[in-house]
Amino acid sequence: MKKFIISLLFISLALVLSACNTIKGVGQDVQKAGEAIENAVKK
C-alpha cells in the first residue's frame, strides 16, 4: 500500500510539472500574438 501511495505522488508531481510547462508555453504564444498585433497596428 505504501508503494502505491508513493507511486501516486510521483505521478501527480509529474503531471503538475508538465502542466506548468504547458501553461508557460501558452502564455508565451499569447504574448507573441499580442506583439504581432501591436506591430501591425503601428504600421
C-alpha atoms as a PDB file:
ATOM      1  CA  MET A   1       0.000   0.000   0.000  1.00  0.00           C
ATOM      2  CA  LYS A   2       2.850   2.370   0.854  1.00  0.00           C
ATOM      3  CA  LYS A   3       4.483   1.795  -2.547  1.00  0.00           C
ATOM      4  CA  PHE A   4       1.170   2.574  -4.261  1.00  0.00           C
ATOM      5  CA  ILE A   5       0.844   5.907  -2.443  1.00  0.00           C
ATOM      6  CA  ILE A   6       4.428   6.876  -3.235  1.00  0.00           C
ATOM      7  CA  SER A   7       3.912   5.975  -6.894  1.00  0.00           C
ATOM      8  CA  LEU A   8       0.722   8.022  -6.991  1.00  0.00           C
ATOM      9  CA  LEU A   9       2.544  11.022  -5.511  1.00  0.00           C
ATOM     10  CA  PHE A  10       5.303  10.810  -8.125  1.00  0.00           C
ATOM     11  CA  ILE A  11       2.784  10.531 -10.967  1.00  0.00           C
ATOM     12  CA  SER A  12       0.871  13.527  -9.607  1.00  0.00           C
ATOM     13  CA  LEU A  13       4.068  15.540  -9.329  1.00  0.00           C
ATOM     14  CA  ALA A  14       4.993  14.729 -12.930  1.00  0.00           C
ATOM     15  CA  LEU A  15       1.575  15.827 -14.156  1.00  0.00           C
ATOM     16  CA  VAL A  16       1.727  19.081 -12.230  1.00  0.00           C
ATOM     17  CA  LEU A  17       5.182  19.904 -13.568  1.00  0.00           C
ATOM     18  CA  SER A  18       4.191  19.159 -17.153  1.00  0.00           C
ATOM     19  CA  ALA A  19       1.071  21.309 -16.777  1.00  0.00           C
ATOM     20  CA  CYS A  20       3.219  24.227 -15.608  1.00  0.00           C
ATOM     21  CA  ASN A  21       5.347  23.958 -18.737  1.00  0.00           C
ATOM     22  CA  THR A  22       2.255  23.793 -20.917  1.00  0.00           C
ATOM     23  CA  ILE A  23       0.719  26.877 -19.323  1.00  0.00           C
ATOM     24  CA  LYS A  24       4.019  28.733 -19.669  1.00  0.00           C
ATOM     25  CA  GLY A  25       4.130  27.841 -23.375  1.00  0.00           C
ATOM     26  CA  VAL A  26       0.579  29.065 -23.934  1.00  0.00           C
ATOM     27  CA  GLY A  27       1.452  32.323 -22.169  1.00  0.00           C
ATOM     28  CA  GLN A  28       4.434  32.830 -24.440  1.00  0.00           C
ATOM     29  CA  ASP A  29       2.311  32.162 -27.541  1.00  0.00           C
ATOM     30  CA  VAL A  30      -0.309  34.680 -26.430  1.00  0.00           C
ATOM     31  CA  GLN A  31       2.403  37.246 -25.719  1.00  0.00           C
ATOM     32  CA  LYS A  32       3.918  36.790 -29.183  1.00  0.00           C
ATOM     33  CA  ALA A  33       0.490  37.102 -30.795  1.00  0.00           C
ATOM     34  CA  GLY A  34      -0.096  40.339 -28.870  1.00  0.00           C
ATOM     35  CA  GLU A  35       3.257  41.697 -30.025  1.00  0.00           C
ATOM     36  CA  ALA A  36       2.430  40.833 -33.633  1.00  0.00           C
ATOM     37  CA  ILE A  37      -0.894  42.668 -33.370  1.00  0.00           C
ATOM     38  CA  GLU A  38       0.839  45.690 -31.804  1.00  0.00           C
ATOM     39  CA  ASN A  39       3.371  45.786 -34.646  1.00  0.00           C
ATOM     40  CA  ALA A  40       0.625  45.542 -37.243  1.00  0.00           C
ATOM     41  CA  VAL A  41      -1.262  48.456 -35.662  1.00  0.00           C
ATOM     42  CA  LYS A  42       1.865  50.619 -35.521  1.00  0.00           C
ATOM     43  CA  LYS A  43       2.446  50.210 -39.291  1.00  0.00           C
END
